Amino acid sequence: MADGRKNNGGHSTKGKAGRPKKADEIKLIETMDAVMIPMEAWEQLAARVKDGDTQAIKTWLAYRYGQPQAKMDLTSDGETLTGFRIIRDDSGN
């Protein structure tokens, strides 16, 4: 007995989702390099960092050290959650 998955249709983003193709990525980099030499961009960013531009500093640090790890605070009304109760719904909903 077939499960019918082949009849579910496709994703609207089929062939477009995920990481861009390497060739497309290289073409974009070449186009960007034709507009401005990468070292010029880094020099401009460095100048803005030295001027104290907060966004430039954040960008510089993100490229130099990487993005900070995202942390999730699991609290409720100031109380730390210590356990979870799993509720089973047998009603079919």
PDB file of N, CA and C in Angstrom:
ATOM      1  N   MET A   1       0.837  -1.185   0.000  1.00  0.00           N
ATOM      2  CA  MET A   1       0.000   0.000   0.000  1.00  0.00           C
ATOM      3  C   MET A   1       0.878   1.244   0.000  1.00  0.00           C
ATOM      4  N   ALA A   2       0.675   2.115  -0.932  1.00  0.00           N
ATOM      5  CA  ALA A   2       1.460   3.340  -1.028  1.00  0.00           C
ATOM      6  C   ALA A   2       1.012   4.328   0.036  1.00  0.00           C
ATOM      7  N   ASP A   3       1.956   5.103   0.518  1.00  0.00           N
ATOM      8  CA  ASP A   3       1.605   6.057   1.568  1.00  0.00           C
ATOM      9  C   ASP A   3       1.180   7.414   1.013  1.00  0.00           C
ATOM     10  N   GLY A   4       1.240   7.642  -0.268  1.00  0.00           N
ATOM     11  CA  GLY A   4       0.721   8.853  -0.878  1.00  0.00           C
ATOM     12  C   GLY A   4       1.657  10.048  -0.827  1.00  0.00           C
ATOM     13  N   ARG A   5       2.865   9.885  -0.294  1.00  0.00           N
ATOM     14  CA  ARG A   5       3.765  11.034  -0.195  1.00  0.00           C
ATOM     15  C   ARG A   5       4.152  11.591  -1.549  1.00  0.00           C
ATOM     16  N   LYS A   6       4.217  10.734  -2.553  1.00  0.00           N
ATOM     17  CA  LYS A   6       4.616  11.225  -3.871  1.00  0.00           C
ATOM     18  C   LYS A   6       3.556  12.152  -4.460  1.00  0.00           C
ATOM     19  N   ASN A   7       2.341  12.126  -3.916  1.00  0.00           N
ATOM     20  CA  ASN A   7       1.260  12.967  -4.408  1.00  0.00           C
ATOM     21  C   ASN A   7       1.091  14.268  -3.614  1.00  0.00           C
ATOM     22  N   ASN A   8       1.999  14.518  -2.657  1.00  0.00           N
ATOM     23  CA  ASN A   8       1.881  15.701  -1.812  1.00  0.00           C
ATOM     24  C   ASN A   8       2.300  16.986  -2.512  1.00  0.00           C
ATOM     25  N   GLY A   9       2.861  16.908  -3.684  1.00  0.00           N
ATOM     26  CA  GLY A   9       3.333  18.113  -4.358  1.00  0.00           C
ATOM     27  C   GLY A   9       4.740  18.438  -3.904  1.00  0.00           C
ATOM     28  N   GLY A  10       5.260  19.531  -4.384  1.00  0.00           N
ATOM     29  CA  GLY A  10       6.630  19.900  -4.046  1.00  0.00           C
ATOM     30  C   GLY A  10       6.675  21.150  -3.211  1.00  0.00           C
ATOM     31  N   HIS A  11       7.854  21.498  -2.861  1.00  0.00           N
ATOM     32  CA  HIS A  11       8.070  22.743  -2.122  1.00  0.00           C
ATOM     33  C   HIS A  11       8.090  23.889  -3.117  1.00  0.00           C
ATOM     34  N   SER A  12       7.565  25.021  -2.720  1.00  0.00           N
ATOM     35  CA  SER A  12       7.546  26.176  -3.616  1.00  0.00           C
ATOM     36  C   SER A  12       8.940  26.727  -3.832  1.00  0.00           C
ATOM     37  N   THR A  13       9.869  26.364  -2.961  1.00  0.00           N
ATOM     38  CA  THR A  13      11.244  26.849  -3.085  1.00  0.00           C
ATOM     39  C   THR A  13      12.170  25.772  -3.651  1.00  0.00           C
ATOM     40  N   LYS A  14      11.599  24.746  -4.250  1.00  0.00           N
ATOM     41  CA  LYS A  14      12.396  23.633  -4.742  1.00  0.00           C
ATOM     42  C   LYS A  14      13.512  24.137  -5.656  1.00  0.00           C
ATOM     43  N   GLY A  15      14.718  23.744  -5.339  1.00  0.00           N
ATOM     44  CA  GLY A  15      15.869  24.151  -6.125  1.00  0.00           C
ATOM     45  C   GLY A  15      16.409  25.517  -5.736  1.00  0.00           C
ATOM     46  N   LYS A  16      15.739  26.207  -4.828  1.00  0.00           N
ATOM     47  CA  LYS A  16      16.175  27.542  -4.434  1.00  0.00           C
ATOM     48  C   LYS A  16      16.567  27.609  -2.966  1.00  0.00           C
ATOM     49  N   ALA A  17      16.194  26.628  -2.196  1.00  0.00           N
ATOM     50  CA  ALA A  17      16.468  26.654  -0.768  1.00  0.00           C
ATOM     51  C   ALA A  17      17.907  26.216  -0.497  1.00  0.00           C
ATOM     52  N   GLY A  18      18.410  26.583   0.664  1.00  0.00           N
ATOM     53  CA  GLY A  18      19.736  26.158   1.069  1.00  0.00           C
ATOM     54  C   GLY A  18      20.824  27.104   0.613  1.00  0.00           C
ATOM     55  N   ARG A  19      22.025  26.630   0.714  1.00  0.00           N
ATOM     56  CA  ARG A  19      23.206  27.422   0.373  1.00  0.00           C
ATOM     57  C   ARG A  19      23.272  27.642  -1.135  1.00  0.00           C
ATOM     58  N   PRO A  20      23.683  28.877  -1.544  1.00  0.00           N
ATOM     59  CA  PRO A  20      23.822  29.129  -2.985  1.00  0.00           C
ATOM     60  C   PRO A  20      24.904  28.230  -3.594  1.00  0.00           C
ATOM     61  N   LYS A  21      24.803  27.989  -4.872  1.00  0.00           N
ATOM     62  CA  LYS A  21      25.803  27.181  -5.558  1.00  0.00           C
ATOM     63  C   LYS A  21      27.135  27.910  -5.509  1.00  0.00           C
ATOM     64  N   LYS A  22      28.220  27.152  -5.429  1.00  0.00           N
ATOM     65  CA  LYS A  22      29.559  27.733  -5.333  1.00  0.00           C
ATOM     66  C   LYS A  22      29.844  28.652  -6.521  1.00  0.00           C
ATOM     67  N   ALA A  23      29.438  28.258  -7.718  1.00  0.00           N
ATOM     68  CA  ALA A  23      29.672  29.076  -8.911  1.00  0.00           C
ATOM     69  C   ALA A  23      28.971  30.428  -8.781  1.00  0.00           C
ATOM     70  N   ASP A  24      27.747  30.432  -8.249  1.00  0.00           N
ATOM     71  CA  ASP A  24      27.011  31.680  -8.051  1.00  0.00           C
ATOM     72  C   ASP A  24      27.702  32.550  -7.001  1.00  0.00           C
ATOM     73  N   GLU A  25      28.213  31.898  -5.968  1.00  0.00           N
ATOM     74  CA  GLU A  25      28.913  32.614  -4.899  1.00  0.00           C
ATOM     75  C   GLU A  25      30.192  33.262  -5.440  1.00  0.00           C
ATOM     76  N   ILE A  26      30.942  32.527  -6.249  1.00  0.00           N
ATOM     77  CA  ILE A  26      32.174  33.050  -6.845  1.00  0.00           C
ATOM     78  C   ILE A  26      31.863  34.214  -7.781  1.00  0.00           C
ATOM     79  N   LYS A  27      30.794  34.093  -8.573  1.00  0.00           N
ATOM     80  CA  LYS A  27      30.404  35.164  -9.495  1.00  0.00           C
ATOM     81  C   LYS A  27      30.055  36.437  -8.722  1.00  0.00           C
ATOM     82  N   LEU A  28      29.341  36.294  -7.609  1.00  0.00           N
ATOM     83  CA  LEU A  28      28.983  37.439  -6.788  1.00  0.00           C
ATOM     84  C   LEU A  28      30.242  38.096  -6.215  1.00  0.00           C
ATOM     85  N   ILE A  29      31.169  37.299  -5.717  1.00  0.00           N
ATOM     86  CA  ILE A  29      32.422  37.829  -5.165  1.00  0.00           C
ATOM     87  C   ILE A  29      33.202  38.578  -6.237  1.00  0.00           C
ATOM     88  N   GLU A  30      33.274  38.017  -7.439  1.00  0.00           N
ATOM     89  CA  GLU A  30      33.983  38.683  -8.534  1.00  0.00           C
ATOM     90  C   GLU A  30      33.325  40.014  -8.893  1.00  0.00           C
ATOM     91  N   THR A  31      32.002  40.049  -8.876  1.00  0.00           N
ATOM     92  CA  THR A  31      31.278  41.292  -9.163  1.00  0.00           C
ATOM     93  C   THR A  31      31.560  42.334  -8.085  1.00  0.00           C
ATOM     94  N   MET A  32      31.541  41.910  -6.839  1.00  0.00           N
ATOM     95  CA  MET A  32      31.833  42.832  -5.739  1.00  0.00           C
ATOM     96  C   MET A  32      33.268  43.353  -5.829  1.00  0.00           C
ATOM     97  N   ASP A  33      34.218  42.480  -6.146  1.00  0.00           N
ATOM     98  CA  ASP A  33      35.624  42.889  -6.266  1.00  0.00           C
ATOM     99  C   ASP A  33      35.834  43.859  -7.416  1.00  0.00           C
ATOM    100  N   ALA A  34      35.011  43.760  -8.466  1.00  0.00           N
ATOM    101  CA  ALA A  34      35.120  44.673  -9.598  1.00  0.00           C
ATOM    102  C   ALA A  34      34.668  46.082  -9.210  1.00  0.00           C
ATOM    103  N   VAL A  35      33.767  46.176  -8.243  1.00  0.00           N
ATOM    104  CA  VAL A  35      33.257  47.467  -7.798  1.00  0.00           C
ATOM    105  C   VAL A  35      34.211  48.123  -6.796  1.00  0.00           C
ATOM    106  N   MET A  36      34.737  47.335  -5.874  1.00  0.00           N
ATOM    107  CA  MET A  36      35.640  47.874  -4.864  1.00  0.00           C
ATOM    108  C   MET A  36      36.618  46.792  -4.423  1.00  0.00           C
ATOM    109  N   ILE A  37      37.874  47.150  -4.317  1.00  0.00           N
ATOM    110  CA  ILE A  37      38.905  46.215  -3.859  1.00  0.00           C
ATOM    111  C   ILE A  37      38.629  45.908  -2.385  1.00  0.00           C
ATOM    112  N   PRO A  38      38.614  44.621  -2.012  1.00  0.00           N
ATOM    113  CA  PRO A  38      38.276  44.262  -0.630  1.00  0.00           C
ATOM    114  C   PRO A  38      39.106  45.008   0.420  1.00  0.00           C
ATOM    115  N   MET A  39      40.391  45.227   0.156  1.00  0.00           N
ATOM    116  CA  MET A  39      41.228  45.907   1.144  1.00  0.00           C
ATOM    117  C   MET A  39      40.720  47.330   1.401  1.00  0.00           C
ATOM    118  N   GLU A  40      40.185  47.974   0.376  1.00  0.00           N
ATOM    119  CA  GLU A  40      39.631  49.322   0.556  1.00  0.00           C
ATOM    120  C   GLU A  40      38.443  49.285   1.519  1.00  0.00           C
ATOM    121  N   ALA A  41      37.628  48.260   1.396  1.00  0.00           N
ATOM    122  CA  ALA A  41      36.467  48.128   2.285  1.00  0.00           C
ATOM    123  C   ALA A  41      36.930  47.930   3.731  1.00  0.00           C
ATOM    124  N   TRP A  42      37.950  47.072   3.937  1.00  0.00           N
ATOM    125  CA  TRP A  42      38.462  46.844   5.286  1.00  0.00           C
ATOM    126  C   TRP A  42      39.080  48.116   5.859  1.00  0.00           C
ATOM    127  N   GLU A  43      39.763  48.888   5.010  1.00  0.00           N
ATOM    128  CA  GLU A  43      40.356  50.145   5.471  1.00  0.00           C
ATOM    129  C   GLU A  43      39.280  51.141   5.888  1.00  0.00           C
ATOM    130  N   GLN A  44      38.196  51.205   5.106  1.00  0.00           N
ATOM    131  CA  GLN A  44      37.083  52.091   5.460  1.00  0.00           C
ATOM    132  C   GLN A  44      36.430  51.647   6.771  1.00  0.00           C
ATOM    133  N   LEU A  45      36.254  50.339   6.922  1.00  0.00           N
ATOM    134  CA  LEU A  45      35.677  49.815   8.154  1.00  0.00           C
ATOM    135  C   LEU A  45      36.591  50.134   9.333  1.00  0.00           C
ATOM    136  N   ALA A  46      37.906  49.937   9.156  1.00  0.00           N
ATOM    137  CA  ALA A  46      38.871  50.221  10.229  1.00  0.00           C
ATOM    138  C   ALA A  46      38.817  51.698  10.622  1.00  0.00           C
ATOM    139  N   ALA A  47      38.685  52.583   9.647  1.00  0.00           N
ATOM    140  CA  ALA A  47      38.609  54.018   9.938  1.00  0.00           C
ATOM    141  C   ALA A  47      37.372  54.336  10.777  1.00  0.00           C
ATOM    142  N   ARG A  48      36.252  53.708  10.438  1.00  0.00           N
ATOM    143  CA  ARG A  48      35.015  53.941  11.196  1.00  0.00           C
ATOM    144  C   ARG A  48      35.124  53.368  12.606  1.00  0.00           C
ATOM    145  N   VAL A  49      35.837  52.227  12.753  1.00  0.00           N
ATOM    146  CA  VAL A  49      36.069  51.651  14.083  1.00  0.00           C
ATOM    147  C   VAL A  49      36.878  52.639  14.920  1.00  0.00           C
ATOM    148  N   LYS A  50      37.945  53.196  14.332  1.00  0.00           N
ATOM    149  CA  LYS A  50      38.795  54.157  15.055  1.00  0.00           C
ATOM    150  C   LYS A  50      38.036  55.414  15.434  1.00  0.00           C
ATOM    151  N   ASP A  51      36.999  55.768  14.651  1.00  0.00           N
ATOM    152  CA  ASP A  51      36.168  56.936  14.955  1.00  0.00           C
ATOM    153  C   ASP A  51      35.139  56.642  16.042  1.00  0.00           C
ATOM    154  N   GLY A  52      35.022  55.365  16.425  1.00  0.00           N
ATOM    155  CA  GLY A  52      34.095  54.988  17.488  1.00  0.00           C
ATOM    156  C   GLY A  52      32.700  54.627  17.017  1.00  0.00           C
ATOM    157  N   ASP A  53      32.524  54.362  15.721  1.00  0.00           N
ATOM    158  CA  ASP A  53      31.219  53.978  15.174  1.00  0.00           C
ATOM    159  C   ASP A  53      30.828  52.613  15.746  1.00  0.00           C
ATOM    160  N   THR A  54      29.750  52.604  16.527  1.00  0.00           N
ATOM    161  CA  THR A  54      29.326  51.383  17.223  1.00  0.00           C
ATOM    162  C   THR A  54      29.035  50.233  16.272  1.00  0.00           C
ATOM    163  N   GLN A  55      28.315  50.491  15.195  1.00  0.00           N
ATOM    164  CA  GLN A  55      27.979  49.418  14.245  1.00  0.00           C
ATOM    165  C   GLN A  55      29.239  48.877  13.585  1.00  0.00           C
ATOM    166  N   ALA A  56      30.185  49.763  13.256  1.00  0.00           N
ATOM    167  CA  ALA A  56      31.448  49.324  12.657  1.00  0.00           C
ATOM    168  C   ALA A  56      32.236  48.456  13.638  1.00  0.00           C
ATOM    169  N   ILE A  57      32.228  48.844  14.905  1.00  0.00           N
ATOM    170  CA  ILE A  57      32.921  48.056  15.934  1.00  0.00           C
ATOM    171  C   ILE A  57      32.294  46.670  16.041  1.00  0.00           C
ATOM    172  N   LYS A  58      30.956  46.609  16.049  1.00  0.00           N
ATOM    173  CA  LYS A  58      30.261  45.308  16.120  1.00  0.00           C
ATOM    174  C   LYS A  58      30.621  44.443  14.915  1.00  0.00           C
ATOM    175  N   THR A  59      30.645  45.055  13.731  1.00  0.00           N
ATOM    176  CA  THR A  59      30.986  44.305  12.514  1.00  0.00           C
ATOM    177  C   THR A  59      32.415  43.794  12.591  1.00  0.00           C
ATOM    178  N   TRP A  60      33.337  44.656  12.990  1.00  0.00           N
ATOM    179  CA  TRP A  60      34.750  44.277  13.091  1.00  0.00           C
ATOM    180  C   TRP A  60      34.916  43.106  14.060  1.00  0.00           C
ATOM    181  N   LEU A  61      34.313  43.228  15.233  1.00  0.00           N
ATOM    182  CA  LEU A  61      34.439  42.166  16.235  1.00  0.00           C
ATOM    183  C   LEU A  61      33.799  40.867  15.768  1.00  0.00           C
ATOM    184  N   ALA A  62      32.665  40.965  15.058  1.00  0.00           N
ATOM    185  CA  ALA A  62      31.993  39.755  14.566  1.00  0.00           C
ATOM    186  C   ALA A  62      32.873  39.006  13.572  1.00  0.00           C
ATOM    187  N   TYR A  63      33.581  39.747  12.721  1.00  0.00           N
ATOM    188  CA  TYR A  63      34.466  39.088  11.756  1.00  0.00           C
ATOM    189  C   TYR A  63      35.759  38.628  12.411  1.00  0.00           C
ATOM    190  N   ARG A  64      36.219  39.347  13.408  1.00  0.00           N
ATOM    191  CA  ARG A  64      37.485  38.999  14.056  1.00  0.00           C
ATOM    192  C   ARG A  64      37.330  37.830  15.017  1.00  0.00           C
ATOM    193  N   TYR A  65      36.259  37.848  15.821  1.00  0.00           N
ATOM    194  CA  TYR A  65      36.094  36.846  16.877  1.00  0.00           C
ATOM    195  C   TYR A  65      34.893  35.940  16.683  1.00  0.00           C
ATOM    196  N   GLY A  66      34.025  36.245  15.719  1.00  0.00           N
ATOM    197  CA  GLY A  66      32.819  35.451  15.510  1.00  0.00           C
ATOM    198  C   GLY A  66      31.674  35.978  16.351  1.00  0.00           C
ATOM    199  N   GLN A  67      30.464  35.564  16.006  1.00  0.00           N
ATOM    200  CA  GLN A  67      29.282  35.996  16.737  1.00  0.00           C
ATOM    201  C   GLN A  67      29.240  35.322  18.105  1.00  0.00           C
ATOM    202  N   PRO A  68      28.794  36.041  19.132  1.00  0.00           N
ATOM    203  CA  PRO A  68      28.655  35.393  20.440  1.00  0.00           C
ATOM    204  C   PRO A  68      27.582  34.311  20.393  1.00  0.00           C
ATOM    205  N   GLN A  69      27.736  33.312  21.229  1.00  0.00           N
ATOM    206  CA  GLN A  69      26.760  32.227  21.294  1.00  0.00           C
ATOM    207  C   GLN A  69      25.435  32.766  21.808  1.00  0.00           C
ATOM    208  N   ALA A  70      24.357  32.359  21.159  1.00  0.00           N
ATOM    209  CA  ALA A  70      23.021  32.737  21.625  1.00  0.00           C
ATOM    210  C   ALA A  70      22.701  31.919  22.871  1.00  0.00           C
ATOM    211  N   LYS A  71      22.182  32.588  23.876  1.00  0.00           N
ATOM    212  CA  LYS A  71      21.822  31.893  25.109  1.00  0.00           C
ATOM    213  C   LYS A  71      20.336  32.072  25.353  1.00  0.00           C
ATOM    214  N   MET A  72      19.735  31.062  25.945  1.00  0.00           N
ATOM    215  CA  MET A  72      18.308  31.101  26.222  1.00  0.00           C
ATOM    216  C   MET A  72      18.124  31.016  27.733  1.00  0.00           C
ATOM    217  N   ASP A  73      17.383  31.946  28.280  1.00  0.00           N
ATOM    218  CA  ASP A  73      17.096  31.959  29.702  1.00  0.00           C
ATOM    219  C   ASP A  73      15.735  31.304  29.929  1.00  0.00           C
ATOM    220  N   LEU A  74      15.744  30.142  30.523  1.00  0.00           N
ATOM    221  CA  LEU A  74      14.498  29.419  30.767  1.00  0.00           C
ATOM    222  C   LEU A  74      13.983  29.748  32.163  1.00  0.00           C
ATOM    223  N   THR A  75      13.236  30.832  32.245  1.00  0.00           N
ATOM    224  CA  THR A  75      12.643  31.213  33.515  1.00  0.00           C
ATOM    225  C   THR A  75      11.178  31.554  33.295  1.00  0.00           C
ATOM    226  N   SER A  76      10.438  31.550  34.369  1.00  0.00           N
ATOM    227  CA  SER A  76       9.025  31.907  34.313  1.00  0.00           C
ATOM    228  C   SER A  76       8.683  32.685  35.569  1.00  0.00           C
ATOM    229  N   ASP A  77       8.275  33.943  35.394  1.00  0.00           N
ATOM    230  CA  ASP A  77       7.955  34.808  36.528  1.00  0.00           C
ATOM    231  C   ASP A  77       9.094  34.850  37.540  1.00  0.00           C
ATOM    232  N   GLY A  78      10.307  34.864  37.045  1.00  0.00           N
ATOM    233  CA  GLY A  78      11.454  34.933  37.941  1.00  0.00           C
ATOM    234  C   GLY A  78      11.858  33.599  38.540  1.00  0.00           C
ATOM    235  N   GLU A  79      11.081  32.564  38.284  1.00  0.00           N
ATOM    236  CA  GLU A  79      11.393  31.237  38.823  1.00  0.00           C
ATOM    237  C   GLU A  79      12.068  30.399  37.747  1.00  0.00           C
ATOM    238  N   THR A  80      13.118  29.696  38.126  1.00  0.00           N
ATOM    239  CA  THR A  80      13.803  28.822  37.187  1.00  0.00           C
ATOM    240  C   THR A  80      12.987  27.557  36.976  1.00  0.00           C
ATOM    241  N   LEU A  81      12.879  27.127  35.742  1.00  0.00           N
ATOM    242  CA  LEU A  81      12.168  25.888  35.434  1.00  0.00           C
ATOM    243  C   LEU A  81      13.077  24.717  35.786  1.00  0.00           C
ATOM    244  N   THR A  82      12.567  23.800  36.592  1.00  0.00           N
ATOM    245  CA  THR A  82      13.391  22.684  37.039  1.00  0.00           C
ATOM    246  C   THR A  82      12.964  21.358  36.444  1.00  0.00           C
ATOM    247  N   GLY A  83      11.812  21.294  35.860  1.00  0.00           N
ATOM    248  CA  GLY A  83      11.347  20.043  35.287  1.00  0.00           C
ATOM    249  C   GLY A  83      10.171  20.288  34.376  1.00  0.00           C
ATOM    250  N   PHE A  84       9.840  19.295  33.628  1.00  0.00           N
ATOM    251  CA  PHE A  84       8.729  19.412  32.688  1.00  0.00           C
ATOM    252  C   PHE A  84       7.814  18.224  32.879  1.00  0.00           C
ATOM    253  N   ARG A  85       6.532  18.450  32.685  1.00  0.00           N
ATOM    254  CA  ARG A  85       5.555  17.379  32.759  1.00  0.00           C
ATOM    255  C   ARG A  85       4.999  17.166  31.368  1.00  0.00           C
ATOM    256  N   ILE A  86       5.085  15.977  30.862  1.00  0.00           N
ATOM    257  CA  ILE A  86       4.564  15.645  29.536  1.00  0.00           C
ATOM    258  C   ILE A  86       3.111  15.229  29.688  1.00  0.00           C
ATOM    259  N   ILE A  87       2.255  15.882  28.925  1.00  0.00           N
ATOM    260  CA  ILE A  87       0.820  15.585  28.981  1.00  0.00           C
ATOM    261  C   ILE A  87       0.438  14.862  27.695  1.00  0.00           C
ATOM    262  N   ARG A  88      -0.118  13.703  27.820  1.00  0.00           N
ATOM    263  CA  ARG A  88      -0.521  12.906  26.679  1.00  0.00           C
ATOM    264  C   ARG A  88      -1.979  13.160  26.385  1.00  0.00           C
ATOM    265  N   ASP A  89      -2.257  13.460  25.115  1.00  0.00           N
ATOM    266  CA  ASP A  89      -3.638  13.726  24.706  1.00  0.00           C
ATOM    267  C   ASP A  89      -4.122  12.528  23.888  1.00  0.00           C
ATOM    268  N   ASP A  90      -4.958  11.694  24.481  1.00  0.00           N
ATOM    269  CA  ASP A  90      -5.466  10.497  23.804  1.00  0.00           C
ATOM    270  C   ASP A  90      -6.784  10.757  23.073  1.00  0.00           C
ATOM    271  N   SER A  91      -7.237  12.002  23.025  1.00  0.00           N
ATOM    272  CA  SER A  91      -8.528  12.308  22.424  1.00  0.00           C
ATOM    273  C   SER A  91      -8.463  12.365  20.904  1.00  0.00           C
ATOM    274  N   GLY A  92      -7.248  12.319  20.339  1.00  0.00           N
ATOM    275  CA  GLY A  92      -7.125  12.365  18.880  1.00  0.00           C
ATOM    276  C   GLY A  92      -6.959  13.775  18.360  1.00  0.00           C
ATOM    277  N   ASN A  93      -6.899  14.754  19.229  1.00  0.00           N
ATOM    278  CA  ASN A  93      -6.699  16.161  18.821  1.00  0.00           C
ATOM    279  C   ASN A  93      -5.249  16.526  18.848  1.00  0.00           C
TER     280      ASN A  93
END
